[in-house]
Amino acid sequence: MRKVIAAMVMLVPLAMAQAQGPVVWVASPWQHVLKTTEAGTVKAVTLVAAANEYEPFRVIVRAGGQSLPEVNLTVPDLRGPGATIVAANLTLFREHYLDIFAPSYRSTAPTGWYPDALIPFVDPVTGKNLQGAKYDATPYTIEANCNQGYWVDVHVPKETKAGDYRGTVTVTSAGQQVADVPVTLTVRPWGLPDSIAMQSCFGSLGSRLAKQNSVAPGSPELSEIEDLYIEAFLGHRAVPGSLGNIWPTVNDDGTVDDSQTGERLRKLVEDDHVNALRLPFSWGAGPEKCKAQLRALAGYLRQKGWLDLAYIYLRDEPNNAEQYELVRQQGALIKEADPGIKRMCTEQTVTSNPEWGTLVGAVDIWCPLWGLYDEKTADERKAAGETLWSYTALCQGKQPPFWQVDFPPVSFRAPFWTSWRYDIKGFLYWSSIYWDAYEDVWAKPHFRDKYWGEGMLVYPGPPAGIKGPVTSIRLKLIREALEDYEYMALASKQGHKSKADAIVMALTPSFEQWEQDPEAYMKAREELAKLIH
């Protein structure tokens, strides 16, 4: 949990004379800071975090009457009570701006240059400066009278001692000091678990990665790149819908050969804490072959103790009588193959049209849109032993949070609080790398000319000189919200569920009634923290 307090920042004059000098200030991750946003007054950073948690902060550098050349930031070790959080745990990014020339559908935000992609200062794999980057992080020249945001991720290692840790971020231009920004981090006397409380499916990878990186599908080069994406998502407590080559070969006699895949799957589940496994579903291969494969995979996972993590993604968003019937047929086949396999459908618990019939009996995991969540029938399905996930796409519904770049950042926090309120166990985002829809995803991620950033939460790495993904501010905010969910889960496990529920309910009584003041969530998170020991 972060709070910011005012403090003096020493400004050192640059050698070049400027009619108006640069301004360095601190912004909340939960506010939009456009290129033209007026400079703030907060000059220092104060953070609070548990061990094994990430906590971000932002330093905004505003150029004066002239451009500010070759801007760079450096971060130090954070020194605390007989201990140190080394600088390697502070990751620096430059915020990349998009020209949002027309608001997203339903957005009332002003037009302007919004930050989204986060370009790392160094290659996340090699630790070296970016090579061949069209979009580099540093050094960087800031236009006159414009802001440039810098994002810093602070990771608190698991064994970090509780207490206050301090350091100073230094901003330079052309090698000369512009400002010092003091940082104070208070580490809580407990930590977040390695396990992930909320299940999720953040879309598939594979083919789009191959196309964007100009490598062959199924090649070792693609596997290497895909692994970097998987690692990045898991580092944000988010689980991709595809995890590379993890499924064993099912032989004609029904036996399973995992000699090439078994260790990878074990590592993902046991070491990397993957909590949701989307099973392959060869519906088009014919019923008998499909059932045989599912039966073999279910037996394999049951033997490993992982069958409870597995699910089949049924026909997506069924929306007529024929599609409802297809879901029922798919559900019946899976149940016949092995009733232990969960069946997930992106549909609300109340039937769209009574003439289409019901999906009850065919679905184990219901995944409604936020704007179509029906509390009465959802409670009925949970009482029957079924599970609720949720999802968002486009700007559907009356007043749920919307996930386009130009909607308030708190929109990425509120739905996970509402998920706790409704005992929703999982979340689905239809794609995190739907780059095919965009002419230039780095310049104009404008889905159907209506939705900025729809279907993508990361940017392709090659334009920034890296193989893996370039993350976004939106993905960072989702990570913060998933860590909120961990706070709720911890408080509940320690016997304070009713109190945690009350704290959450006060802010998010429903998907369409939710607190829009970011500060309210910060205060509520502190209340949750007080319940945990």
Protein backbone atom coordinates (compact mmCIF):
# COMPACT_ATOMS: atom_id res chain seq x y z
CA MET A 1 0.00 0.00 0.00
CA ARG A 2 1.45 3.33 -0.93
CA LYS A 3 0.93 6.80 0.40
CA VAL A 4 2.75 9.88 -0.78
CA ILE A 5 3.87 12.83 1.33
CA ALA A 6 5.24 16.21 0.38
CA ALA A 7 8.95 16.79 0.88
CA MET A 8 11.56 19.04 -0.63
CA VAL A 9 13.43 17.88 -3.73
CA MET A 10 16.73 19.60 -4.41
CA LEU A 11 16.78 20.92 -7.96
CA VAL A 12 20.22 21.42 -9.40
CA PRO A 13 20.47 23.96 -12.24
CA LEU A 14 21.51 22.58 -15.58
CA ALA A 15 24.46 24.05 -17.39
CA MET A 16 22.19 25.14 -20.22
CA ALA A 17 20.08 28.16 -19.47
CA GLN A 18 16.38 27.59 -19.67
CA ALA A 19 13.60 30.12 -19.40
CA GLN A 20 11.77 27.67 -17.21
CA GLY A 21 13.50 24.79 -15.48
CA PRO A 22 12.42 21.16 -15.33
CA VAL A 23 10.06 19.89 -12.64
CA VAL A 24 10.28 16.43 -11.07
CA TRP A 25 7.32 15.09 -9.14
CA VAL A 26 5.74 11.86 -7.91
CA ALA A 27 2.43 10.54 -9.23
CA SER A 28 0.18 7.73 -8.05
CA PRO A 29 -0.07 4.63 -10.25
CA TRP A 30 -3.83 5.16 -9.96
CA GLN A 31 -3.97 8.45 -11.85
CA HIS A 32 -3.72 9.30 -15.51
CA VAL A 33 -0.70 11.48 -16.21
CA LEU A 34 -0.80 12.66 -19.81
CA LYS A 35 2.03 14.50 -21.51
CA THR A 36 0.24 17.77 -20.78
CA THR A 37 -1.00 17.10 -17.23
CA GLU A 38 -0.04 19.92 -14.87
CA ALA A 39 2.91 19.11 -12.63
CA GLY A 40 2.01 17.81 -9.20
CA THR A 41 3.33 18.94 -5.84
CA VAL A 42 4.31 15.59 -4.32
CA LYS A 43 8.10 15.29 -4.26
CA ALA A 44 8.78 12.06 -2.36
CA VAL A 45 7.65 8.44 -2.37
CA THR A 46 6.29 6.52 0.60
CA LEU A 47 5.34 2.87 0.08
CA VAL A 48 4.06 0.04 2.25
CA ALA A 49 4.35 -3.58 1.15
CA ALA A 50 4.42 -7.11 2.47
CA ALA A 51 7.33 -9.43 1.83
CA ASN A 52 7.02 -11.28 -1.50
CA GLU A 53 4.98 -8.39 -2.89
CA TYR A 54 5.49 -5.88 -5.69
CA GLU A 55 4.82 -2.20 -5.08
CA PRO A 56 5.18 0.42 -7.82
CA PHE A 57 5.77 4.16 -7.84
CA ARG A 58 6.08 6.78 -10.57
CA VAL A 59 8.48 9.64 -11.09
CA ILE A 60 7.32 12.25 -13.61
CA VAL A 61 9.89 14.51 -15.25
CA ARG A 62 8.49 17.62 -16.89
CA ALA A 63 10.75 19.56 -19.24
CA GLY A 64 10.84 23.33 -18.98
CA GLY A 65 10.75 25.85 -21.79
CA GLN A 66 13.35 23.84 -23.71
CA SER A 67 13.63 20.12 -24.35
CA LEU A 68 15.46 18.12 -21.69
CA PRO A 69 18.13 15.93 -23.32
CA GLU A 70 19.40 12.46 -22.43
CA VAL A 71 17.27 11.96 -19.33
CA ASN A 72 18.18 9.01 -17.13
CA LEU A 73 17.13 7.67 -13.73
CA THR A 74 19.16 5.59 -11.30
CA VAL A 75 17.92 3.77 -8.23
CA PRO A 76 19.96 2.76 -5.19
CA ASP A 77 19.80 0.00 -2.65
CA LEU A 78 17.08 0.59 -0.06
CA ARG A 79 18.69 0.35 3.37
CA GLY A 80 16.71 -0.66 6.43
CA PRO A 81 16.96 -2.20 9.89
CA GLY A 82 20.23 -4.04 9.56
CA ALA A 83 19.21 -5.21 6.11
CA THR A 84 19.19 -4.05 2.48
CA ILE A 85 16.84 -4.43 -0.46
CA VAL A 86 19.37 -4.34 -3.26
CA ALA A 87 18.81 -2.15 -6.30
CA ALA A 88 18.30 -5.23 -8.49
CA ASN A 89 14.85 -5.49 -6.89
CA LEU A 90 13.89 -2.08 -8.26
CA THR A 91 13.00 -2.30 -11.96
CA LEU A 92 12.90 0.89 -14.01
CA PHE A 93 10.64 1.54 -17.01
CA ARG A 94 9.97 4.49 -19.27
CA GLU A 95 6.29 5.06 -19.99
CA HIS A 96 5.45 5.02 -23.71
CA TYR A 97 2.62 7.32 -24.82
CA LEU A 98 -0.29 6.75 -27.19
CA ASP A 99 -2.06 9.52 -29.08
CA ILE A 100 -5.66 8.85 -28.07
CA PHE A 101 -7.25 11.17 -30.59
CA ALA A 102 -10.80 10.00 -29.89
CA PRO A 103 -12.11 8.49 -26.63
CA SER A 104 -13.00 4.82 -26.40
CA TYR A 105 -16.67 3.93 -26.65
CA ARG A 106 -18.41 5.15 -23.46
CA SER A 107 -15.31 6.95 -22.24
CA THR A 108 -15.64 10.58 -21.16
CA ALA A 109 -11.88 11.06 -20.83
CA PRO A 110 -10.16 13.89 -22.70
CA THR A 111 -8.12 13.18 -25.78
CA GLY A 112 -4.35 13.40 -25.51
CA TRP A 113 -1.16 11.42 -25.07
CA TYR A 114 -1.71 8.59 -22.54
CA PRO A 115 1.05 6.34 -21.19
CA ASP A 116 0.61 2.57 -21.42
CA ALA A 117 3.57 0.42 -22.56
CA LEU A 118 6.44 0.19 -20.06
CA ILE A 119 9.80 0.01 -21.79
CA PRO A 120 12.42 -1.54 -19.49
CA PHE A 121 15.72 0.25 -18.95
CA VAL A 122 17.56 -3.02 -19.53
CA ASP A 123 16.76 -6.35 -21.13
CA PRO A 124 14.89 -8.38 -18.45
CA VAL A 125 16.76 -11.55 -19.45
CA THR A 126 20.32 -10.37 -20.02
CA GLY A 127 20.36 -7.26 -17.82
CA LYS A 128 22.11 -5.43 -20.65
CA ASN A 129 21.11 -2.23 -22.43
CA LEU A 130 18.44 -2.62 -25.10
CA GLN A 131 19.85 -3.46 -28.52
CA GLY A 132 18.33 -2.39 -31.84
CA ALA A 133 15.40 -0.72 -30.12
CA LYS A 134 13.03 1.50 -32.07
CA TYR A 135 11.58 2.51 -28.71
CA ASP A 136 14.36 2.87 -26.15
CA ALA A 137 14.03 3.74 -22.48
CA THR A 138 17.11 5.78 -21.75
CA PRO A 139 18.75 8.13 -22.42
CA TYR A 140 15.66 9.93 -23.67
CA THR A 141 15.01 13.53 -24.69
CA ILE A 142 11.80 15.02 -23.25
CA GLU A 143 9.96 17.58 -25.35
CA ALA A 144 9.67 21.13 -24.03
CA ASN A 145 6.79 21.67 -21.62
CA CYS A 146 5.88 17.95 -21.68
CA ASN A 147 5.80 15.22 -19.05
CA GLN A 148 7.67 11.95 -19.28
CA GLY A 149 6.64 9.28 -16.81
CA TYR A 150 8.96 6.67 -15.29
CA TRP A 151 7.57 3.61 -13.55
CA VAL A 152 9.49 1.75 -10.86
CA ASP A 153 8.52 -1.74 -9.68
CA VAL A 154 9.80 -2.53 -6.20
CA HIS A 155 9.94 -6.23 -5.36
CA VAL A 156 10.26 -7.10 -1.68
CA PRO A 157 12.10 -10.43 -1.34
CA LYS A 158 10.41 -13.12 0.75
CA GLU A 159 12.80 -13.05 3.70
CA THR A 160 12.98 -9.25 4.02
CA LYS A 161 12.88 -8.02 7.62
CA ALA A 162 10.03 -5.76 8.67
CA GLY A 163 10.82 -2.08 9.04
CA ASP A 164 11.53 1.11 7.10
CA TYR A 165 13.90 1.10 4.12
CA ARG A 166 15.18 4.28 2.50
CA GLY A 167 16.96 5.35 -0.66
CA THR A 168 17.02 8.07 -3.30
CA VAL A 169 16.15 8.03 -6.99
CA THR A 170 18.42 10.37 -8.97
CA VAL A 171 17.27 12.07 -12.16
CA THR A 172 19.92 13.34 -14.57
CA SER A 173 19.99 15.09 -17.92
CA ALA A 174 23.05 14.85 -20.15
CA GLY A 175 24.93 13.48 -17.15
CA GLN A 176 24.03 16.38 -14.85
CA GLN A 177 21.84 15.98 -11.80
CA VAL A 178 18.32 17.37 -12.10
CA ALA A 179 16.68 16.09 -8.92
CA ASP A 180 16.82 13.64 -6.04
CA VAL A 181 13.59 11.89 -5.09
CA PRO A 182 13.60 10.30 -1.61
CA VAL A 183 11.94 6.89 -1.27
CA THR A 184 10.72 5.27 1.94
CA LEU A 185 9.40 1.71 1.95
CA THR A 186 7.80 0.17 5.03
CA VAL A 187 7.90 -3.64 4.93
CA ARG A 188 5.10 -5.38 6.80
CA PRO A 189 5.89 -8.13 9.33
CA TRP A 190 4.33 -10.80 7.10
CA GLY A 191 4.43 -11.85 3.46
CA LEU A 192 2.27 -12.88 0.56
CA PRO A 193 2.23 -16.58 -0.37
CA ASP A 194 3.89 -17.91 -3.50
CA SER A 195 0.59 -19.54 -4.44
CA ILE A 196 -1.99 -17.57 -6.42
CA ALA A 197 -5.43 -17.16 -4.86
CA MET A 198 -7.42 -16.32 -8.01
CA GLN A 199 -7.48 -18.67 -10.97
CA SER A 200 -7.28 -17.07 -14.38
CA CYS A 201 -6.99 -17.43 -18.13
CA PHE A 202 -5.33 -14.43 -19.78
CA GLY A 203 -5.64 -15.78 -23.31
CA SER A 204 -3.57 -18.03 -25.53
CA LEU A 205 -0.13 -17.26 -26.94
CA GLY A 206 1.52 -19.44 -29.62
CA SER A 207 0.52 -18.49 -33.15
CA ARG A 208 0.41 -14.72 -32.68
CA LEU A 209 3.84 -14.80 -31.08
CA ALA A 210 5.18 -16.76 -34.02
CA LYS A 211 3.81 -14.25 -36.52
CA GLN A 212 4.97 -11.17 -34.61
CA ASN A 213 8.48 -12.56 -34.11
CA SER A 214 8.79 -14.11 -37.59
CA VAL A 215 9.57 -17.58 -36.29
CA ALA A 216 8.08 -20.92 -37.27
CA PRO A 217 5.19 -22.38 -35.25
CA GLY A 218 6.43 -25.27 -33.11
CA SER A 219 10.06 -24.19 -33.41
CA PRO A 220 12.53 -24.01 -30.51
CA GLU A 221 12.77 -20.26 -31.15
CA LEU A 222 9.02 -19.87 -30.55
CA SER A 223 9.18 -21.98 -27.38
CA GLU A 224 11.90 -19.72 -26.02
CA ILE A 225 9.85 -16.60 -26.71
CA GLU A 226 6.64 -18.15 -25.37
CA ASP A 227 8.38 -19.06 -22.13
CA LEU A 228 9.34 -15.40 -21.63
CA TYR A 229 5.69 -14.42 -21.98
CA ILE A 230 4.52 -17.13 -19.61
CA GLU A 231 7.11 -16.07 -17.04
CA ALA A 232 6.06 -12.43 -17.37
CA PHE A 233 2.38 -13.19 -16.79
CA LEU A 234 3.04 -15.49 -13.85
CA GLY A 235 5.17 -12.70 -12.36
CA HIS A 236 1.96 -10.65 -12.30
CA ARG A 237 -0.06 -13.49 -10.68
CA ALA A 238 -1.79 -14.00 -14.04
CA VAL A 239 -2.03 -17.40 -15.77
CA PRO A 240 -1.98 -17.60 -19.60
CA GLY A 241 -4.48 -19.86 -21.31
CA SER A 242 -1.65 -21.74 -23.01
CA LEU A 243 1.54 -22.85 -21.29
CA GLY A 244 3.63 -24.24 -24.11
CA ASN A 245 4.29 -27.94 -24.64
CA ILE A 246 2.91 -29.40 -21.39
CA TRP A 247 0.54 -32.17 -22.52
CA PRO A 248 1.72 -35.77 -22.82
CA THR A 249 1.21 -37.91 -25.88
CA VAL A 250 -1.85 -40.15 -25.71
CA ASN A 251 -1.11 -43.43 -27.49
CA ASP A 252 -3.69 -45.45 -29.44
CA ASP A 253 -4.00 -47.92 -26.57
CA GLY A 254 -4.84 -45.11 -24.12
CA THR A 255 -1.47 -45.05 -22.39
CA VAL A 256 0.23 -41.73 -21.74
CA ASP A 257 3.82 -40.77 -22.55
CA ASP A 258 5.02 -37.66 -20.70
CA SER A 259 8.73 -38.24 -21.18
CA GLN A 260 9.03 -34.99 -23.18
CA THR A 261 6.52 -32.88 -21.21
CA GLY A 262 6.20 -34.19 -17.67
CA GLU A 263 8.96 -32.18 -16.02
CA ARG A 264 7.79 -28.94 -17.61
CA LEU A 265 4.23 -29.43 -16.35
CA ARG A 266 5.50 -30.36 -12.89
CA LYS A 267 7.59 -27.22 -12.71
CA LEU A 268 4.73 -24.97 -13.78
CA VAL A 269 2.34 -26.42 -11.20
CA GLU A 270 4.66 -27.08 -8.27
CA ASP A 271 7.37 -24.44 -8.65
CA ASP A 272 5.64 -21.65 -10.59
CA HIS A 273 2.25 -22.13 -8.89
CA VAL A 274 0.08 -22.32 -11.99
CA ASN A 275 -3.44 -22.84 -10.64
CA ALA A 276 -5.48 -23.32 -13.84
CA LEU A 277 -4.77 -25.76 -16.68
CA ARG A 278 -6.77 -25.40 -19.88
CA LEU A 279 -7.05 -28.89 -21.34
CA PRO A 280 -6.81 -29.48 -25.10
CA PHE A 281 -10.24 -30.27 -26.53
CA SER A 282 -10.22 -32.11 -29.87
CA TRP A 283 -13.95 -31.75 -30.48
CA GLY A 284 -13.48 -31.78 -34.23
CA ALA A 285 -11.68 -35.15 -34.16
CA GLY A 286 -14.91 -37.02 -33.53
CA PRO A 287 -16.56 -38.12 -30.28
CA GLU A 288 -14.75 -41.39 -29.66
CA LYS A 289 -11.26 -40.05 -30.27
CA CYS A 290 -12.03 -36.92 -28.24
CA LYS A 291 -13.34 -38.95 -25.30
CA ALA A 292 -10.36 -41.30 -25.39
CA GLN A 293 -7.93 -38.37 -25.21
CA LEU A 294 -9.83 -36.67 -22.39
CA ARG A 295 -10.13 -39.90 -20.44
CA ALA A 296 -6.40 -40.49 -20.67
CA LEU A 297 -5.47 -36.91 -19.72
CA ALA A 298 -7.90 -36.90 -16.79
CA GLY A 299 -6.43 -40.14 -15.48
CA TYR A 300 -2.93 -38.74 -15.84
CA LEU A 301 -3.78 -35.53 -13.97
CA ARG A 302 -5.71 -37.40 -11.27
CA GLN A 303 -2.68 -39.57 -10.61
CA LYS A 304 -0.54 -36.43 -10.26
CA GLY A 305 -3.09 -34.76 -7.98
CA TRP A 306 -3.73 -31.91 -10.45
CA LEU A 307 -7.12 -32.75 -11.95
CA ASP A 308 -8.81 -30.08 -9.82
CA LEU A 309 -6.80 -27.45 -11.73
CA ALA A 310 -7.97 -28.60 -15.16
CA TYR A 311 -10.89 -27.33 -17.23
CA ILE A 312 -12.26 -27.43 -20.77
CA TYR A 313 -13.19 -24.15 -22.45
CA LEU A 314 -16.54 -24.88 -24.11
CA ARG A 315 -18.07 -23.02 -27.08
CA ASP A 316 -17.25 -19.36 -26.50
CA GLU A 317 -20.13 -16.95 -25.80
CA PRO A 318 -23.02 -19.14 -27.03
CA ASN A 319 -25.67 -16.75 -28.28
CA ASN A 320 -28.42 -18.69 -30.03
CA ALA A 321 -30.33 -21.96 -29.75
CA GLU A 322 -27.88 -23.86 -31.96
CA GLN A 323 -24.88 -22.73 -29.92
CA TYR A 324 -26.61 -23.58 -26.65
CA GLU A 325 -27.25 -27.07 -28.00
CA LEU A 326 -23.58 -27.36 -28.98
CA VAL A 327 -22.54 -26.50 -25.41
CA ARG A 328 -24.87 -29.20 -24.08
CA GLN A 329 -23.40 -31.76 -26.48
CA GLN A 330 -19.84 -30.80 -25.56
CA GLY A 331 -20.67 -30.90 -21.85
CA ALA A 332 -22.25 -34.36 -22.14
CA LEU A 333 -19.25 -35.76 -24.03
CA ILE A 334 -16.78 -34.45 -21.44
CA LYS A 335 -18.82 -35.82 -18.56
CA GLU A 336 -18.97 -39.21 -20.26
CA ALA A 337 -15.19 -39.15 -20.75
CA ASP A 338 -14.53 -38.29 -17.10
CA PRO A 339 -16.89 -36.42 -14.75
CA GLY A 340 -13.88 -35.02 -12.89
CA ILE A 341 -13.06 -32.64 -15.76
CA LYS A 342 -14.56 -29.20 -15.16
CA ARG A 343 -16.38 -27.53 -18.03
CA MET A 344 -16.13 -23.74 -18.36
CA CYS A 345 -18.42 -21.54 -20.46
CA THR A 346 -18.33 -17.79 -21.03
CA GLU A 347 -22.01 -17.33 -20.32
CA GLN A 348 -24.09 -15.91 -17.50
CA THR A 349 -26.02 -18.13 -15.11
CA VAL A 350 -29.42 -16.86 -16.21
CA THR A 351 -30.48 -18.26 -19.59
CA SER A 352 -30.26 -15.67 -22.34
CA ASN A 353 -33.46 -16.88 -23.98
CA PRO A 354 -35.77 -19.48 -22.39
CA GLU A 355 -36.50 -20.86 -25.88
CA TRP A 356 -32.86 -21.96 -26.14
CA GLY A 357 -33.12 -24.21 -23.11
CA THR A 358 -30.72 -24.30 -20.17
CA LEU A 359 -27.00 -24.97 -19.81
CA VAL A 360 -27.42 -26.32 -16.29
CA GLY A 361 -25.85 -29.77 -16.20
CA ALA A 362 -23.46 -28.95 -19.02
CA VAL A 363 -21.36 -26.33 -17.21
CA ASP A 364 -19.27 -26.53 -14.02
CA ILE A 365 -17.56 -23.11 -14.25
CA TRP A 366 -19.83 -20.23 -15.22
CA CYS A 367 -18.01 -17.19 -16.58
CA PRO A 368 -20.39 -14.25 -17.09
CA LEU A 369 -19.56 -10.76 -18.27
CA TRP A 370 -19.39 -8.30 -15.39
CA GLY A 371 -22.39 -6.45 -16.76
CA LEU A 372 -24.46 -9.65 -17.00
CA TYR A 373 -23.80 -11.04 -13.53
CA ASP A 374 -27.10 -12.28 -12.06
CA GLU A 375 -26.75 -12.67 -8.30
CA LYS A 376 -29.82 -14.88 -7.72
CA THR A 377 -29.01 -17.56 -10.28
CA ALA A 378 -25.28 -17.34 -9.57
CA ASP A 379 -25.97 -18.14 -5.93
CA GLU A 380 -28.09 -21.09 -7.04
CA ARG A 381 -25.22 -22.48 -9.12
CA LYS A 382 -22.73 -22.04 -6.29
CA ALA A 383 -25.16 -23.80 -3.92
CA ALA A 384 -25.18 -26.68 -6.40
CA GLY A 385 -21.40 -26.97 -6.06
CA GLU A 386 -20.48 -25.13 -9.25
CA THR A 387 -17.92 -22.35 -9.61
CA LEU A 388 -18.08 -18.74 -10.79
CA TRP A 389 -15.46 -16.95 -12.86
CA SER A 390 -16.00 -13.64 -14.66
CA TYR A 391 -14.76 -11.82 -17.74
CA THR A 392 -14.77 -8.50 -19.57
CA ALA A 393 -14.75 -7.65 -23.25
CA LEU A 394 -15.33 -4.39 -25.08
CA CYS A 395 -17.56 -2.02 -23.06
CA GLN A 396 -20.58 -4.20 -22.37
CA GLY A 397 -23.04 -3.62 -19.55
CA LYS A 398 -24.51 -0.54 -17.93
CA GLN A 399 -21.81 0.65 -15.56
CA PRO A 400 -19.20 -2.04 -14.86
CA PRO A 401 -15.51 -1.15 -14.93
CA PHE A 402 -14.22 -0.91 -18.49
CA TRP A 403 -10.69 -1.90 -19.43
CA GLN A 404 -9.61 0.47 -22.18
CA VAL A 405 -6.50 2.64 -21.81
CA ASP A 406 -8.45 5.88 -21.34
CA PHE A 407 -10.77 4.67 -18.57
CA PRO A 408 -9.82 5.53 -14.97
CA PRO A 409 -7.01 3.28 -13.67
CA VAL A 410 -9.18 2.26 -10.68
CA SER A 411 -11.27 0.33 -13.25
CA PHE A 412 -8.56 -2.33 -13.13
CA ARG A 413 -8.79 -2.66 -9.35
CA ALA A 414 -12.50 -2.64 -8.59
CA PRO A 415 -13.59 -5.85 -10.37
CA PHE A 416 -11.31 -8.07 -8.29
CA TRP A 417 -12.77 -6.58 -5.12
CA THR A 418 -16.24 -7.30 -6.51
CA SER A 419 -15.06 -10.82 -7.31
CA TRP A 420 -14.26 -11.38 -3.66
CA ARG A 421 -17.62 -9.93 -2.68
CA TYR A 422 -19.40 -12.51 -4.90
CA ASP A 423 -17.08 -15.45 -4.11
CA ILE A 424 -15.88 -15.50 -7.72
CA LYS A 425 -12.86 -17.79 -7.98
CA GLY A 426 -11.46 -16.96 -11.41
CA PHE A 427 -11.09 -14.43 -14.19
CA LEU A 428 -10.82 -14.64 -17.98
CA TYR A 429 -9.53 -12.08 -20.46
CA TRP A 430 -10.16 -13.14 -24.05
CA SER A 431 -6.68 -12.22 -25.31
CA SER A 432 -3.63 -10.38 -24.02
CA ILE A 433 -1.80 -10.29 -27.36
CA TYR A 434 -4.48 -9.69 -30.00
CA TRP A 435 -2.10 -7.69 -32.15
CA ASP A 436 -3.46 -8.87 -35.50
CA ALA A 437 -6.27 -6.33 -35.33
CA TYR A 438 -3.85 -3.40 -35.27
CA GLU A 439 -1.86 -1.81 -38.06
CA ASP A 440 0.81 -0.70 -35.58
CA VAL A 441 0.18 -1.86 -32.04
CA TRP A 442 2.85 0.46 -30.64
CA ALA A 443 1.31 3.54 -32.25
CA LYS A 444 -2.41 2.83 -32.55
CA PRO A 445 -3.82 -0.09 -30.52
CA HIS A 446 -7.36 0.95 -31.43
CA PHE A 447 -9.58 -2.15 -31.66
CA ARG A 448 -12.43 -1.69 -34.16
CA ASP A 449 -11.71 2.04 -33.98
CA LYS A 450 -13.59 2.14 -30.67
CA TYR A 451 -11.59 0.45 -27.91
CA TRP A 452 -8.05 1.55 -27.03
CA GLY A 453 -5.95 -1.43 -25.96
CA GLU A 454 -8.75 -3.99 -26.20
CA GLY A 455 -7.48 -7.57 -26.30
CA MET A 456 -3.88 -6.72 -25.43
CA LEU A 457 -2.16 -6.25 -22.09
CA VAL A 458 1.43 -6.49 -23.33
CA TYR A 459 3.29 -5.19 -26.37
CA PRO A 460 5.54 -7.21 -28.71
CA GLY A 461 9.13 -6.99 -27.57
CA PRO A 462 11.19 -6.62 -30.78
CA PRO A 463 10.47 -2.87 -31.26
CA ALA A 464 11.97 -2.37 -27.79
CA GLY A 465 14.92 -4.62 -28.53
CA ILE A 466 13.85 -7.62 -26.41
CA LYS A 467 12.49 -11.10 -27.13
CA GLY A 468 9.88 -11.21 -24.40
CA PRO A 469 6.88 -8.94 -23.86
CA VAL A 470 6.85 -5.27 -22.98
CA THR A 471 4.38 -4.99 -20.13
CA SER A 472 1.80 -2.24 -19.73
CA ILE A 473 0.57 0.00 -16.96
CA ARG A 474 -2.73 -1.85 -17.20
CA LEU A 475 -1.10 -5.22 -16.48
CA LYS A 476 0.70 -3.70 -13.49
CA LEU A 477 -2.60 -2.41 -12.11
CA ILE A 478 -4.14 -5.86 -12.54
CA ARG A 479 -1.23 -7.31 -10.57
CA GLU A 480 -1.91 -4.81 -7.78
CA ALA A 481 -5.57 -5.85 -7.71
CA LEU A 482 -4.66 -9.55 -7.65
CA GLU A 483 -2.40 -8.80 -4.69
CA ASP A 484 -5.40 -7.10 -3.04
CA TYR A 485 -7.23 -10.40 -3.51
CA GLU A 486 -4.35 -12.14 -1.73
CA TYR A 487 -4.86 -9.79 1.23
CA MET A 488 -8.52 -10.80 1.36
CA ALA A 489 -7.65 -14.48 1.14
CA LEU A 490 -5.01 -14.20 3.89
CA ALA A 491 -7.34 -12.31 6.23
CA SER A 492 -10.05 -14.91 5.61
CA LYS A 493 -7.71 -17.86 6.25
CA GLN A 494 -6.71 -16.29 9.56
CA GLY A 495 -10.31 -16.22 10.76
CA HIS A 496 -11.36 -12.73 9.70
CA LYS A 497 -13.55 -13.47 6.70
CA SER A 498 -16.58 -11.58 7.94
CA LYS A 499 -14.50 -8.48 8.60
CA ALA A 500 -12.75 -8.74 5.23
CA ASP A 501 -16.12 -9.19 3.53
CA ALA A 502 -17.46 -6.06 5.21
CA ILE A 503 -14.45 -4.00 4.12
CA VAL A 504 -14.87 -5.16 0.52
CA MET A 505 -18.65 -4.83 0.45
CA ALA A 506 -18.42 -1.19 1.55
CA LEU A 507 -16.59 -0.36 -1.68
CA THR A 508 -18.00 -2.76 -4.25
CA PRO A 509 -21.58 -3.88 -3.60
CA SER A 510 -21.89 -5.00 -7.25
CA PHE A 511 -20.20 -4.84 -10.64
CA GLU A 512 -22.29 -1.78 -11.45
CA GLN A 513 -22.01 -0.08 -8.06
CA TRP A 514 -18.40 0.45 -7.12
CA GLU A 515 -16.25 3.09 -5.48
CA GLN A 516 -14.37 5.17 -8.02
CA ASP A 517 -12.07 7.02 -5.62
CA PRO A 518 -8.62 5.31 -5.71
CA GLU A 519 -7.82 6.56 -2.21
CA ALA A 520 -10.75 4.60 -0.79
CA TYR A 521 -9.15 1.33 -1.96
CA MET A 522 -5.82 2.33 -0.44
CA LYS A 523 -7.45 2.94 2.93
CA ALA A 524 -9.45 -0.28 2.70
CA ARG A 525 -6.31 -2.23 1.86
CA GLU A 526 -4.72 -0.94 5.04
CA GLU A 527 -7.76 -2.15 6.96
CA LEU A 528 -7.31 -5.59 5.41
CA ALA A 529 -3.61 -5.53 6.31
CA LYS A 530 -4.45 -4.90 9.96
CA LEU A 531 -6.42 -8.16 10.01
CA ILE A 532 -3.37 -10.17 8.92
CA HIS A 533 -0.63 -11.32 11.27
